[in-house]
Every structure is written in structure tokens, then in C-alpha cells.
Amino acid sequence: MPGFGALAGRHLLYPSRRWNEDHDA
């Protein structure tokens, strides 16, 4: 997959996301 391993070795990450783009805000 594109981006596989891009975040490896980082100390802390702060991602954000919508659980379900179509049905949940």
C-alpha cells in the first residue's frame, strides 16, 4: 500500500480521522 511504513520510528503521532465518511460526522 502507498505510504506503508511512513510513520515508523516516530515518537508520538497525532492522527485524526472520521470513522465513516459517508454516515458519521
PDBML (XML) file of the C-alpha atoms, coordinates in Angstrom:
<?xml version="1.0" encoding="UTF-8" ?>
<PDBx:datablock datablockName="MODEL"
   xmlns:PDBx="http://pdbml.pdb.org/schema/pdbx-v50.xsd"
   xmlns:xsi="http://www.w3.org/2001/XMLSchema-instance"
   xsi:schemaLocation="http://pdbml.pdb.org/schema/pdbx-v50.xsd pdbx-v50.xsd">
   <PDBx:atom_siteCategory>
      <PDBx:atom_site id="1">
         <PDBx:B_iso_or_equiv>0.00</PDBx:B_iso_or_equiv>
         <PDBx:Cartn_x>0.000</PDBx:Cartn_x>
         <PDBx:Cartn_y>0.000</PDBx:Cartn_y>
         <PDBx:Cartn_z>0.000</PDBx:Cartn_z>
         <PDBx:auth_asym_id>A</PDBx:auth_asym_id>
         <PDBx:auth_atom_id>CA</PDBx:auth_atom_id>
         <PDBx:auth_comp_id>MET</PDBx:auth_comp_id>
         <PDBx:auth_seq_id>1</PDBx:auth_seq_id>
         <PDBx:group_PDB>ATOM</PDBx:group_PDB>
         <PDBx:label_alt_id xsi:nil="true" />
         <PDBx:label_asym_id>A</PDBx:label_asym_id>
         <PDBx:label_atom_id>CA</PDBx:label_atom_id>
         <PDBx:label_comp_id>MET</PDBx:label_comp_id>
         <PDBx:label_entity_id>1</PDBx:label_entity_id>
         <PDBx:label_seq_id>1</PDBx:label_seq_id>
         <PDBx:occupancy>1.00</PDBx:occupancy>
         <PDBx:pdbx_PDB_model_num>1</PDBx:pdbx_PDB_model_num>
         <PDBx:type_symbol>C</PDBx:type_symbol>
      </PDBx:atom_site>
      <PDBx:atom_site id="2">
         <PDBx:B_iso_or_equiv>0.00</PDBx:B_iso_or_equiv>
         <PDBx:Cartn_x>1.149</PDBx:Cartn_x>
         <PDBx:Cartn_y>3.572</PDBx:Cartn_y>
         <PDBx:Cartn_z>-0.643</PDBx:Cartn_z>
         <PDBx:auth_asym_id>A</PDBx:auth_asym_id>
         <PDBx:auth_atom_id>CA</PDBx:auth_atom_id>
         <PDBx:auth_comp_id>PRO</PDBx:auth_comp_id>
         <PDBx:auth_seq_id>2</PDBx:auth_seq_id>
         <PDBx:group_PDB>ATOM</PDBx:group_PDB>
         <PDBx:label_alt_id xsi:nil="true" />
         <PDBx:label_asym_id>A</PDBx:label_asym_id>
         <PDBx:label_atom_id>CA</PDBx:label_atom_id>
         <PDBx:label_comp_id>PRO</PDBx:label_comp_id>
         <PDBx:label_entity_id>1</PDBx:label_entity_id>
         <PDBx:label_seq_id>2</PDBx:label_seq_id>
         <PDBx:occupancy>1.00</PDBx:occupancy>
         <PDBx:pdbx_PDB_model_num>1</PDBx:pdbx_PDB_model_num>
         <PDBx:type_symbol>C</PDBx:type_symbol>
      </PDBx:atom_site>
      <PDBx:atom_site id="3">
         <PDBx:B_iso_or_equiv>0.00</PDBx:B_iso_or_equiv>
         <PDBx:Cartn_x>2.668</PDBx:Cartn_x>
         <PDBx:Cartn_y>5.117</PDBx:Cartn_y>
         <PDBx:Cartn_z>2.474</PDBx:Cartn_z>
         <PDBx:auth_asym_id>A</PDBx:auth_asym_id>
         <PDBx:auth_atom_id>CA</PDBx:auth_atom_id>
         <PDBx:auth_comp_id>GLY</PDBx:auth_comp_id>
         <PDBx:auth_seq_id>3</PDBx:auth_seq_id>
         <PDBx:group_PDB>ATOM</PDBx:group_PDB>
         <PDBx:label_alt_id xsi:nil="true" />
         <PDBx:label_asym_id>A</PDBx:label_asym_id>
         <PDBx:label_atom_id>CA</PDBx:label_atom_id>
         <PDBx:label_comp_id>GLY</PDBx:label_comp_id>
         <PDBx:label_entity_id>1</PDBx:label_entity_id>
         <PDBx:label_seq_id>3</PDBx:label_seq_id>
         <PDBx:occupancy>1.00</PDBx:occupancy>
         <PDBx:pdbx_PDB_model_num>1</PDBx:pdbx_PDB_model_num>
         <PDBx:type_symbol>C</PDBx:type_symbol>
      </PDBx:atom_site>
      <PDBx:atom_site id="4">
         <PDBx:B_iso_or_equiv>0.00</PDBx:B_iso_or_equiv>
         <PDBx:Cartn_x>3.403</PDBx:Cartn_x>
         <PDBx:Cartn_y>1.807</PDBx:Cartn_y>
         <PDBx:Cartn_z>4.220</PDBx:Cartn_z>
         <PDBx:auth_asym_id>A</PDBx:auth_asym_id>
         <PDBx:auth_atom_id>CA</PDBx:auth_atom_id>
         <PDBx:auth_comp_id>PHE</PDBx:auth_comp_id>
         <PDBx:auth_seq_id>4</PDBx:auth_seq_id>
         <PDBx:group_PDB>ATOM</PDBx:group_PDB>
         <PDBx:label_alt_id xsi:nil="true" />
         <PDBx:label_asym_id>A</PDBx:label_asym_id>
         <PDBx:label_atom_id>CA</PDBx:label_atom_id>
         <PDBx:label_comp_id>PHE</PDBx:label_comp_id>
         <PDBx:label_entity_id>1</PDBx:label_entity_id>
         <PDBx:label_seq_id>4</PDBx:label_seq_id>
         <PDBx:occupancy>1.00</PDBx:occupancy>
         <PDBx:pdbx_PDB_model_num>1</PDBx:pdbx_PDB_model_num>
         <PDBx:type_symbol>C</PDBx:type_symbol>
      </PDBx:atom_site>
      <PDBx:atom_site id="5">
         <PDBx:B_iso_or_equiv>0.00</PDBx:B_iso_or_equiv>
         <PDBx:Cartn_x>5.951</PDBx:Cartn_x>
         <PDBx:Cartn_y>2.397</PDBx:Cartn_y>
         <PDBx:Cartn_z>6.970</PDBx:Cartn_z>
         <PDBx:auth_asym_id>A</PDBx:auth_asym_id>
         <PDBx:auth_atom_id>CA</PDBx:auth_atom_id>
         <PDBx:auth_comp_id>GLY</PDBx:auth_comp_id>
         <PDBx:auth_seq_id>5</PDBx:auth_seq_id>
         <PDBx:group_PDB>ATOM</PDBx:group_PDB>
         <PDBx:label_alt_id xsi:nil="true" />
         <PDBx:label_asym_id>A</PDBx:label_asym_id>
         <PDBx:label_atom_id>CA</PDBx:label_atom_id>
         <PDBx:label_comp_id>GLY</PDBx:label_comp_id>
         <PDBx:label_entity_id>1</PDBx:label_entity_id>
         <PDBx:label_seq_id>5</PDBx:label_seq_id>
         <PDBx:occupancy>1.00</PDBx:occupancy>
         <PDBx:pdbx_PDB_model_num>1</PDBx:pdbx_PDB_model_num>
         <PDBx:type_symbol>C</PDBx:type_symbol>
      </PDBx:atom_site>
      <PDBx:atom_site id="6">
         <PDBx:B_iso_or_equiv>0.00</PDBx:B_iso_or_equiv>
         <PDBx:Cartn_x>5.937</PDBx:Cartn_x>
         <PDBx:Cartn_y>6.187</PDBx:Cartn_y>
         <PDBx:Cartn_z>6.556</PDBx:Cartn_z>
         <PDBx:auth_asym_id>A</PDBx:auth_asym_id>
         <PDBx:auth_atom_id>CA</PDBx:auth_atom_id>
         <PDBx:auth_comp_id>ALA</PDBx:auth_comp_id>
         <PDBx:auth_seq_id>6</PDBx:auth_seq_id>
         <PDBx:group_PDB>ATOM</PDBx:group_PDB>
         <PDBx:label_alt_id xsi:nil="true" />
         <PDBx:label_asym_id>A</PDBx:label_asym_id>
         <PDBx:label_atom_id>CA</PDBx:label_atom_id>
         <PDBx:label_comp_id>ALA</PDBx:label_comp_id>
         <PDBx:label_entity_id>1</PDBx:label_entity_id>
         <PDBx:label_seq_id>6</PDBx:label_seq_id>
         <PDBx:occupancy>1.00</PDBx:occupancy>
         <PDBx:pdbx_PDB_model_num>1</PDBx:pdbx_PDB_model_num>
         <PDBx:type_symbol>C</PDBx:type_symbol>
      </PDBx:atom_site>
      <PDBx:atom_site id="7">
         <PDBx:B_iso_or_equiv>0.00</PDBx:B_iso_or_equiv>
         <PDBx:Cartn_x>5.243</PDBx:Cartn_x>
         <PDBx:Cartn_y>6.703</PDBx:Cartn_y>
         <PDBx:Cartn_z>10.254</PDBx:Cartn_z>
         <PDBx:auth_asym_id>A</PDBx:auth_asym_id>
         <PDBx:auth_atom_id>CA</PDBx:auth_atom_id>
         <PDBx:auth_comp_id>LEU</PDBx:auth_comp_id>
         <PDBx:auth_seq_id>7</PDBx:auth_seq_id>
         <PDBx:group_PDB>ATOM</PDBx:group_PDB>
         <PDBx:label_alt_id xsi:nil="true" />
         <PDBx:label_asym_id>A</PDBx:label_asym_id>
         <PDBx:label_atom_id>CA</PDBx:label_atom_id>
         <PDBx:label_comp_id>LEU</PDBx:label_comp_id>
         <PDBx:label_entity_id>1</PDBx:label_entity_id>
         <PDBx:label_seq_id>7</PDBx:label_seq_id>
         <PDBx:occupancy>1.00</PDBx:occupancy>
         <PDBx:pdbx_PDB_model_num>1</PDBx:pdbx_PDB_model_num>
         <PDBx:type_symbol>C</PDBx:type_symbol>
      </PDBx:atom_site>
      <PDBx:atom_site id="8">
         <PDBx:B_iso_or_equiv>0.00</PDBx:B_iso_or_equiv>
         <PDBx:Cartn_x>7.619</PDBx:Cartn_x>
         <PDBx:Cartn_y>4.015</PDBx:Cartn_y>
         <PDBx:Cartn_z>11.581</PDBx:Cartn_z>
         <PDBx:auth_asym_id>A</PDBx:auth_asym_id>
         <PDBx:auth_atom_id>CA</PDBx:auth_atom_id>
         <PDBx:auth_comp_id>ALA</PDBx:auth_comp_id>
         <PDBx:auth_seq_id>8</PDBx:auth_seq_id>
         <PDBx:group_PDB>ATOM</PDBx:group_PDB>
         <PDBx:label_alt_id xsi:nil="true" />
         <PDBx:label_asym_id>A</PDBx:label_asym_id>
         <PDBx:label_atom_id>CA</PDBx:label_atom_id>
         <PDBx:label_comp_id>ALA</PDBx:label_comp_id>
         <PDBx:label_entity_id>1</PDBx:label_entity_id>
         <PDBx:label_seq_id>8</PDBx:label_seq_id>
         <PDBx:occupancy>1.00</PDBx:occupancy>
         <PDBx:pdbx_PDB_model_num>1</PDBx:pdbx_PDB_model_num>
         <PDBx:type_symbol>C</PDBx:type_symbol>
      </PDBx:atom_site>
      <PDBx:atom_site id="9">
         <PDBx:B_iso_or_equiv>0.00</PDBx:B_iso_or_equiv>
         <PDBx:Cartn_x>10.118</PDBx:Cartn_x>
         <PDBx:Cartn_y>5.197</PDBx:Cartn_y>
         <PDBx:Cartn_z>14.157</PDBx:Cartn_z>
         <PDBx:auth_asym_id>A</PDBx:auth_asym_id>
         <PDBx:auth_atom_id>CA</PDBx:auth_atom_id>
         <PDBx:auth_comp_id>GLY</PDBx:auth_comp_id>
         <PDBx:auth_seq_id>9</PDBx:auth_seq_id>
         <PDBx:group_PDB>ATOM</PDBx:group_PDB>
         <PDBx:label_alt_id xsi:nil="true" />
         <PDBx:label_asym_id>A</PDBx:label_asym_id>
         <PDBx:label_atom_id>CA</PDBx:label_atom_id>
         <PDBx:label_comp_id>GLY</PDBx:label_comp_id>
         <PDBx:label_entity_id>1</PDBx:label_entity_id>
         <PDBx:label_seq_id>9</PDBx:label_seq_id>
         <PDBx:occupancy>1.00</PDBx:occupancy>
         <PDBx:pdbx_PDB_model_num>1</PDBx:pdbx_PDB_model_num>
         <PDBx:type_symbol>C</PDBx:type_symbol>
      </PDBx:atom_site>
      <PDBx:atom_site id="10">
         <PDBx:B_iso_or_equiv>0.00</PDBx:B_iso_or_equiv>
         <PDBx:Cartn_x>8.176</PDBx:Cartn_x>
         <PDBx:Cartn_y>8.321</PDBx:Cartn_y>
         <PDBx:Cartn_z>15.129</PDBx:Cartn_z>
         <PDBx:auth_asym_id>A</PDBx:auth_asym_id>
         <PDBx:auth_atom_id>CA</PDBx:auth_atom_id>
         <PDBx:auth_comp_id>ARG</PDBx:auth_comp_id>
         <PDBx:auth_seq_id>10</PDBx:auth_seq_id>
         <PDBx:group_PDB>ATOM</PDBx:group_PDB>
         <PDBx:label_alt_id xsi:nil="true" />
         <PDBx:label_asym_id>A</PDBx:label_asym_id>
         <PDBx:label_atom_id>CA</PDBx:label_atom_id>
         <PDBx:label_comp_id>ARG</PDBx:label_comp_id>
         <PDBx:label_entity_id>1</PDBx:label_entity_id>
         <PDBx:label_seq_id>10</PDBx:label_seq_id>
         <PDBx:occupancy>1.00</PDBx:occupancy>
         <PDBx:pdbx_PDB_model_num>1</PDBx:pdbx_PDB_model_num>
         <PDBx:type_symbol>C</PDBx:type_symbol>
      </PDBx:atom_site>
      <PDBx:atom_site id="11">
         <PDBx:B_iso_or_equiv>0.00</PDBx:B_iso_or_equiv>
         <PDBx:Cartn_x>7.976</PDBx:Cartn_x>
         <PDBx:Cartn_y>9.003</PDBx:Cartn_y>
         <PDBx:Cartn_z>18.864</PDBx:Cartn_z>
         <PDBx:auth_asym_id>A</PDBx:auth_asym_id>
         <PDBx:auth_atom_id>CA</PDBx:auth_atom_id>
         <PDBx:auth_comp_id>HIS</PDBx:auth_comp_id>
         <PDBx:auth_seq_id>11</PDBx:auth_seq_id>
         <PDBx:group_PDB>ATOM</PDBx:group_PDB>
         <PDBx:label_alt_id xsi:nil="true" />
         <PDBx:label_asym_id>A</PDBx:label_asym_id>
         <PDBx:label_atom_id>CA</PDBx:label_atom_id>
         <PDBx:label_comp_id>HIS</PDBx:label_comp_id>
         <PDBx:label_entity_id>1</PDBx:label_entity_id>
         <PDBx:label_seq_id>11</PDBx:label_seq_id>
         <PDBx:occupancy>1.00</PDBx:occupancy>
         <PDBx:pdbx_PDB_model_num>1</PDBx:pdbx_PDB_model_num>
         <PDBx:type_symbol>C</PDBx:type_symbol>
      </PDBx:atom_site>
      <PDBx:atom_site id="12">
         <PDBx:B_iso_or_equiv>0.00</PDBx:B_iso_or_equiv>
         <PDBx:Cartn_x>4.378</PDBx:Cartn_x>
         <PDBx:Cartn_y>10.272</PDBx:Cartn_y>
         <PDBx:Cartn_z>19.086</PDBx:Cartn_z>
         <PDBx:auth_asym_id>A</PDBx:auth_asym_id>
         <PDBx:auth_atom_id>CA</PDBx:auth_atom_id>
         <PDBx:auth_comp_id>LEU</PDBx:auth_comp_id>
         <PDBx:auth_seq_id>12</PDBx:auth_seq_id>
         <PDBx:group_PDB>ATOM</PDBx:group_PDB>
         <PDBx:label_alt_id xsi:nil="true" />
         <PDBx:label_asym_id>A</PDBx:label_asym_id>
         <PDBx:label_atom_id>CA</PDBx:label_atom_id>
         <PDBx:label_comp_id>LEU</PDBx:label_comp_id>
         <PDBx:label_entity_id>1</PDBx:label_entity_id>
         <PDBx:label_seq_id>12</PDBx:label_seq_id>
         <PDBx:occupancy>1.00</PDBx:occupancy>
         <PDBx:pdbx_PDB_model_num>1</PDBx:pdbx_PDB_model_num>
         <PDBx:type_symbol>C</PDBx:type_symbol>
      </PDBx:atom_site>
      <PDBx:atom_site id="13">
         <PDBx:B_iso_or_equiv>0.00</PDBx:B_iso_or_equiv>
         <PDBx:Cartn_x>1.783</PDBx:Cartn_x>
         <PDBx:Cartn_y>10.632</PDBx:Cartn_y>
         <PDBx:Cartn_z>16.350</PDBx:Cartn_z>
         <PDBx:auth_asym_id>A</PDBx:auth_asym_id>
         <PDBx:auth_atom_id>CA</PDBx:auth_atom_id>
         <PDBx:auth_comp_id>LEU</PDBx:auth_comp_id>
         <PDBx:auth_seq_id>13</PDBx:auth_seq_id>
         <PDBx:group_PDB>ATOM</PDBx:group_PDB>
         <PDBx:label_alt_id xsi:nil="true" />
         <PDBx:label_asym_id>A</PDBx:label_asym_id>
         <PDBx:label_atom_id>CA</PDBx:label_atom_id>
         <PDBx:label_comp_id>LEU</PDBx:label_comp_id>
         <PDBx:label_entity_id>1</PDBx:label_entity_id>
         <PDBx:label_seq_id>13</PDBx:label_seq_id>
         <PDBx:occupancy>1.00</PDBx:occupancy>
         <PDBx:pdbx_PDB_model_num>1</PDBx:pdbx_PDB_model_num>
         <PDBx:type_symbol>C</PDBx:type_symbol>
      </PDBx:atom_site>
      <PDBx:atom_site id="14">
         <PDBx:B_iso_or_equiv>0.00</PDBx:B_iso_or_equiv>
         <PDBx:Cartn_x>-1.371</PDBx:Cartn_x>
         <PDBx:Cartn_y>12.720</PDBx:Cartn_y>
         <PDBx:Cartn_z>16.360</PDBx:Cartn_z>
         <PDBx:auth_asym_id>A</PDBx:auth_asym_id>
         <PDBx:auth_atom_id>CA</PDBx:auth_atom_id>
         <PDBx:auth_comp_id>TYR</PDBx:auth_comp_id>
         <PDBx:auth_seq_id>14</PDBx:auth_seq_id>
         <PDBx:group_PDB>ATOM</PDBx:group_PDB>
         <PDBx:label_alt_id xsi:nil="true" />
         <PDBx:label_asym_id>A</PDBx:label_asym_id>
         <PDBx:label_atom_id>CA</PDBx:label_atom_id>
         <PDBx:label_comp_id>TYR</PDBx:label_comp_id>
         <PDBx:label_entity_id>1</PDBx:label_entity_id>
         <PDBx:label_seq_id>14</PDBx:label_seq_id>
         <PDBx:occupancy>1.00</PDBx:occupancy>
         <PDBx:pdbx_PDB_model_num>1</PDBx:pdbx_PDB_model_num>
         <PDBx:type_symbol>C</PDBx:type_symbol>
      </PDBx:atom_site>
      <PDBx:atom_site id="15">
         <PDBx:B_iso_or_equiv>0.00</PDBx:B_iso_or_equiv>
         <PDBx:Cartn_x>-3.645</PDBx:Cartn_x>
         <PDBx:Cartn_y>11.452</PDBx:Cartn_y>
         <PDBx:Cartn_z>13.567</PDBx:Cartn_z>
         <PDBx:auth_asym_id>A</PDBx:auth_asym_id>
         <PDBx:auth_atom_id>CA</PDBx:auth_atom_id>
         <PDBx:auth_comp_id>PRO</PDBx:auth_comp_id>
         <PDBx:auth_seq_id>15</PDBx:auth_seq_id>
         <PDBx:group_PDB>ATOM</PDBx:group_PDB>
         <PDBx:label_alt_id xsi:nil="true" />
         <PDBx:label_asym_id>A</PDBx:label_asym_id>
         <PDBx:label_atom_id>CA</PDBx:label_atom_id>
         <PDBx:label_comp_id>PRO</PDBx:label_comp_id>
         <PDBx:label_entity_id>1</PDBx:label_entity_id>
         <PDBx:label_seq_id>15</PDBx:label_seq_id>
         <PDBx:occupancy>1.00</PDBx:occupancy>
         <PDBx:pdbx_PDB_model_num>1</PDBx:pdbx_PDB_model_num>
         <PDBx:type_symbol>C</PDBx:type_symbol>
      </PDBx:atom_site>
      <PDBx:atom_site id="16">
         <PDBx:B_iso_or_equiv>0.00</PDBx:B_iso_or_equiv>
         <PDBx:Cartn_x>-7.266</PDBx:Cartn_x>
         <PDBx:Cartn_y>12.471</PDBx:Cartn_y>
         <PDBx:Cartn_z>13.108</PDBx:Cartn_z>
         <PDBx:auth_asym_id>A</PDBx:auth_asym_id>
         <PDBx:auth_atom_id>CA</PDBx:auth_atom_id>
         <PDBx:auth_comp_id>SER</PDBx:auth_comp_id>
         <PDBx:auth_seq_id>16</PDBx:auth_seq_id>
         <PDBx:group_PDB>ATOM</PDBx:group_PDB>
         <PDBx:label_alt_id xsi:nil="true" />
         <PDBx:label_asym_id>A</PDBx:label_asym_id>
         <PDBx:label_atom_id>CA</PDBx:label_atom_id>
         <PDBx:label_comp_id>SER</PDBx:label_comp_id>
         <PDBx:label_entity_id>1</PDBx:label_entity_id>
         <PDBx:label_seq_id>16</PDBx:label_seq_id>
         <PDBx:occupancy>1.00</PDBx:occupancy>
         <PDBx:pdbx_PDB_model_num>1</PDBx:pdbx_PDB_model_num>
         <PDBx:type_symbol>C</PDBx:type_symbol>
      </PDBx:atom_site>
      <PDBx:atom_site id="17">
         <PDBx:B_iso_or_equiv>0.00</PDBx:B_iso_or_equiv>
         <PDBx:Cartn_x>-9.970</PDBx:Cartn_x>
         <PDBx:Cartn_y>10.800</PDBx:Cartn_y>
         <PDBx:Cartn_z>11.064</PDBx:Cartn_z>
         <PDBx:auth_asym_id>A</PDBx:auth_asym_id>
         <PDBx:auth_atom_id>CA</PDBx:auth_atom_id>
         <PDBx:auth_comp_id>ARG</PDBx:auth_comp_id>
         <PDBx:auth_seq_id>17</PDBx:auth_seq_id>
         <PDBx:group_PDB>ATOM</PDBx:group_PDB>
         <PDBx:label_alt_id xsi:nil="true" />
         <PDBx:label_asym_id>A</PDBx:label_asym_id>
         <PDBx:label_atom_id>CA</PDBx:label_atom_id>
         <PDBx:label_comp_id>ARG</PDBx:label_comp_id>
         <PDBx:label_entity_id>1</PDBx:label_entity_id>
         <PDBx:label_seq_id>17</PDBx:label_seq_id>
         <PDBx:occupancy>1.00</PDBx:occupancy>
         <PDBx:pdbx_PDB_model_num>1</PDBx:pdbx_PDB_model_num>
         <PDBx:type_symbol>C</PDBx:type_symbol>
      </PDBx:atom_site>
      <PDBx:atom_site id="18">
         <PDBx:B_iso_or_equiv>0.00</PDBx:B_iso_or_equiv>
         <PDBx:Cartn_x>-13.649</PDBx:Cartn_x>
         <PDBx:Cartn_y>10.360</PDBx:Cartn_y>
         <PDBx:Cartn_z>10.543</PDBx:Cartn_z>
         <PDBx:auth_asym_id>A</PDBx:auth_asym_id>
         <PDBx:auth_atom_id>CA</PDBx:auth_atom_id>
         <PDBx:auth_comp_id>ARG</PDBx:auth_comp_id>
         <PDBx:auth_seq_id>18</PDBx:auth_seq_id>
         <PDBx:group_PDB>ATOM</PDBx:group_PDB>
         <PDBx:label_alt_id xsi:nil="true" />
         <PDBx:label_asym_id>A</PDBx:label_asym_id>
         <PDBx:label_atom_id>CA</PDBx:label_atom_id>
         <PDBx:label_comp_id>ARG</PDBx:label_comp_id>
         <PDBx:label_entity_id>1</PDBx:label_entity_id>
         <PDBx:label_seq_id>18</PDBx:label_seq_id>
         <PDBx:occupancy>1.00</PDBx:occupancy>
         <PDBx:pdbx_PDB_model_num>1</PDBx:pdbx_PDB_model_num>
         <PDBx:type_symbol>C</PDBx:type_symbol>
      </PDBx:atom_site>
      <PDBx:atom_site id="19">
         <PDBx:B_iso_or_equiv>0.00</PDBx:B_iso_or_equiv>
         <PDBx:Cartn_x>-14.811</PDBx:Cartn_x>
         <PDBx:Cartn_y>6.865</PDBx:Cartn_y>
         <PDBx:Cartn_z>11.420</PDBx:Cartn_z>
         <PDBx:auth_asym_id>A</PDBx:auth_asym_id>
         <PDBx:auth_atom_id>CA</PDBx:auth_atom_id>
         <PDBx:auth_comp_id>TRP</PDBx:auth_comp_id>
         <PDBx:auth_seq_id>19</PDBx:auth_seq_id>
         <PDBx:group_PDB>ATOM</PDBx:group_PDB>
         <PDBx:label_alt_id xsi:nil="true" />
         <PDBx:label_asym_id>A</PDBx:label_asym_id>
         <PDBx:label_atom_id>CA</PDBx:label_atom_id>
         <PDBx:label_comp_id>TRP</PDBx:label_comp_id>
         <PDBx:label_entity_id>1</PDBx:label_entity_id>
         <PDBx:label_seq_id>19</PDBx:label_seq_id>
         <PDBx:occupancy>1.00</PDBx:occupancy>
         <PDBx:pdbx_PDB_model_num>1</PDBx:pdbx_PDB_model_num>
         <PDBx:type_symbol>C</PDBx:type_symbol>
      </PDBx:atom_site>
      <PDBx:atom_site id="20">
         <PDBx:B_iso_or_equiv>0.00</PDBx:B_iso_or_equiv>
         <PDBx:Cartn_x>-17.203</PDBx:Cartn_x>
         <PDBx:Cartn_y>6.625</PDBx:Cartn_y>
         <PDBx:Cartn_z>8.480</PDBx:Cartn_z>
         <PDBx:auth_asym_id>A</PDBx:auth_asym_id>
         <PDBx:auth_atom_id>CA</PDBx:auth_atom_id>
         <PDBx:auth_comp_id>ASN</PDBx:auth_comp_id>
         <PDBx:auth_seq_id>20</PDBx:auth_seq_id>
         <PDBx:group_PDB>ATOM</PDBx:group_PDB>
         <PDBx:label_alt_id xsi:nil="true" />
         <PDBx:label_asym_id>A</PDBx:label_asym_id>
         <PDBx:label_atom_id>CA</PDBx:label_atom_id>
         <PDBx:label_comp_id>ASN</PDBx:label_comp_id>
         <PDBx:label_entity_id>1</PDBx:label_entity_id>
         <PDBx:label_seq_id>20</PDBx:label_seq_id>
         <PDBx:occupancy>1.00</PDBx:occupancy>
         <PDBx:pdbx_PDB_model_num>1</PDBx:pdbx_PDB_model_num>
         <PDBx:type_symbol>C</PDBx:type_symbol>
      </PDBx:atom_site>
      <PDBx:atom_site id="21">
         <PDBx:B_iso_or_equiv>0.00</PDBx:B_iso_or_equiv>
         <PDBx:Cartn_x>-17.016</PDBx:Cartn_x>
         <PDBx:Cartn_y>9.404</PDBx:Cartn_y>
         <PDBx:Cartn_z>5.890</PDBx:Cartn_z>
         <PDBx:auth_asym_id>A</PDBx:auth_asym_id>
         <PDBx:auth_atom_id>CA</PDBx:auth_atom_id>
         <PDBx:auth_comp_id>GLU</PDBx:auth_comp_id>
         <PDBx:auth_seq_id>21</PDBx:auth_seq_id>
         <PDBx:group_PDB>ATOM</PDBx:group_PDB>
         <PDBx:label_alt_id xsi:nil="true" />
         <PDBx:label_asym_id>A</PDBx:label_asym_id>
         <PDBx:label_atom_id>CA</PDBx:label_atom_id>
         <PDBx:label_comp_id>GLU</PDBx:label_comp_id>
         <PDBx:label_entity_id>1</PDBx:label_entity_id>
         <PDBx:label_seq_id>21</PDBx:label_seq_id>
         <PDBx:occupancy>1.00</PDBx:occupancy>
         <PDBx:pdbx_PDB_model_num>1</PDBx:pdbx_PDB_model_num>
         <PDBx:type_symbol>C</PDBx:type_symbol>
      </PDBx:atom_site>
      <PDBx:atom_site id="22">
         <PDBx:B_iso_or_equiv>0.00</PDBx:B_iso_or_equiv>
         <PDBx:Cartn_x>-20.473</PDBx:Cartn_x>
         <PDBx:Cartn_y>8.680</PDBx:Cartn_y>
         <PDBx:Cartn_z>4.464</PDBx:Cartn_z>
         <PDBx:auth_asym_id>A</PDBx:auth_asym_id>
         <PDBx:auth_atom_id>CA</PDBx:auth_atom_id>
         <PDBx:auth_comp_id>ASP</PDBx:auth_comp_id>
         <PDBx:auth_seq_id>22</PDBx:auth_seq_id>
         <PDBx:group_PDB>ATOM</PDBx:group_PDB>
         <PDBx:label_alt_id xsi:nil="true" />
         <PDBx:label_asym_id>A</PDBx:label_asym_id>
         <PDBx:label_atom_id>CA</PDBx:label_atom_id>
         <PDBx:label_comp_id>ASP</PDBx:label_comp_id>
         <PDBx:label_entity_id>1</PDBx:label_entity_id>
         <PDBx:label_seq_id>22</PDBx:label_seq_id>
         <PDBx:occupancy>1.00</PDBx:occupancy>
         <PDBx:pdbx_PDB_model_num>1</PDBx:pdbx_PDB_model_num>
         <PDBx:type_symbol>C</PDBx:type_symbol>
      </PDBx:atom_site>
      <PDBx:atom_site id="23">
         <PDBx:B_iso_or_equiv>0.00</PDBx:B_iso_or_equiv>
         <PDBx:Cartn_x>-22.610</PDBx:Cartn_x>
         <PDBx:Cartn_y>8.284</PDBx:Cartn_y>
         <PDBx:Cartn_z>7.583</PDBx:Cartn_z>
         <PDBx:auth_asym_id>A</PDBx:auth_asym_id>
         <PDBx:auth_atom_id>CA</PDBx:auth_atom_id>
         <PDBx:auth_comp_id>HIS</PDBx:auth_comp_id>
         <PDBx:auth_seq_id>23</PDBx:auth_seq_id>
         <PDBx:group_PDB>ATOM</PDBx:group_PDB>
         <PDBx:label_alt_id xsi:nil="true" />
         <PDBx:label_asym_id>A</PDBx:label_asym_id>
         <PDBx:label_atom_id>CA</PDBx:label_atom_id>
         <PDBx:label_comp_id>HIS</PDBx:label_comp_id>
         <PDBx:label_entity_id>1</PDBx:label_entity_id>
         <PDBx:label_seq_id>23</PDBx:label_seq_id>
         <PDBx:occupancy>1.00</PDBx:occupancy>
         <PDBx:pdbx_PDB_model_num>1</PDBx:pdbx_PDB_model_num>
         <PDBx:type_symbol>C</PDBx:type_symbol>
      </PDBx:atom_site>
      <PDBx:atom_site id="24">
         <PDBx:B_iso_or_equiv>0.00</PDBx:B_iso_or_equiv>
         <PDBx:Cartn_x>-20.861</PDBx:Cartn_x>
         <PDBx:Cartn_y>9.752</PDBx:Cartn_y>
         <PDBx:Cartn_z>10.602</PDBx:Cartn_z>
         <PDBx:auth_asym_id>A</PDBx:auth_asym_id>
         <PDBx:auth_atom_id>CA</PDBx:auth_atom_id>
         <PDBx:auth_comp_id>ASP</PDBx:auth_comp_id>
         <PDBx:auth_seq_id>24</PDBx:auth_seq_id>
         <PDBx:group_PDB>ATOM</PDBx:group_PDB>
         <PDBx:label_alt_id xsi:nil="true" />
         <PDBx:label_asym_id>A</PDBx:label_asym_id>
         <PDBx:label_atom_id>CA</PDBx:label_atom_id>
         <PDBx:label_comp_id>ASP</PDBx:label_comp_id>
         <PDBx:label_entity_id>1</PDBx:label_entity_id>
         <PDBx:label_seq_id>24</PDBx:label_seq_id>
         <PDBx:occupancy>1.00</PDBx:occupancy>
         <PDBx:pdbx_PDB_model_num>1</PDBx:pdbx_PDB_model_num>
         <PDBx:type_symbol>C</PDBx:type_symbol>
      </PDBx:atom_site>
      <PDBx:atom_site id="25">
         <PDBx:B_iso_or_equiv>0.00</PDBx:B_iso_or_equiv>
         <PDBx:Cartn_x>-19.639</PDBx:Cartn_x>
         <PDBx:Cartn_y>13.300</PDBx:Cartn_y>
         <PDBx:Cartn_z>11.227</PDBx:Cartn_z>
         <PDBx:auth_asym_id>A</PDBx:auth_asym_id>
         <PDBx:auth_atom_id>CA</PDBx:auth_atom_id>
         <PDBx:auth_comp_id>ALA</PDBx:auth_comp_id>
         <PDBx:auth_seq_id>25</PDBx:auth_seq_id>
         <PDBx:group_PDB>ATOM</PDBx:group_PDB>
         <PDBx:label_alt_id xsi:nil="true" />
         <PDBx:label_asym_id>A</PDBx:label_asym_id>
         <PDBx:label_atom_id>CA</PDBx:label_atom_id>
         <PDBx:label_comp_id>ALA</PDBx:label_comp_id>
         <PDBx:label_entity_id>1</PDBx:label_entity_id>
         <PDBx:label_seq_id>25</PDBx:label_seq_id>
         <PDBx:occupancy>1.00</PDBx:occupancy>
         <PDBx:pdbx_PDB_model_num>1</PDBx:pdbx_PDB_model_num>
         <PDBx:type_symbol>C</PDBx:type_symbol>
      </PDBx:atom_site>
   </PDBx:atom_siteCategory>
</PDBx:datablock>
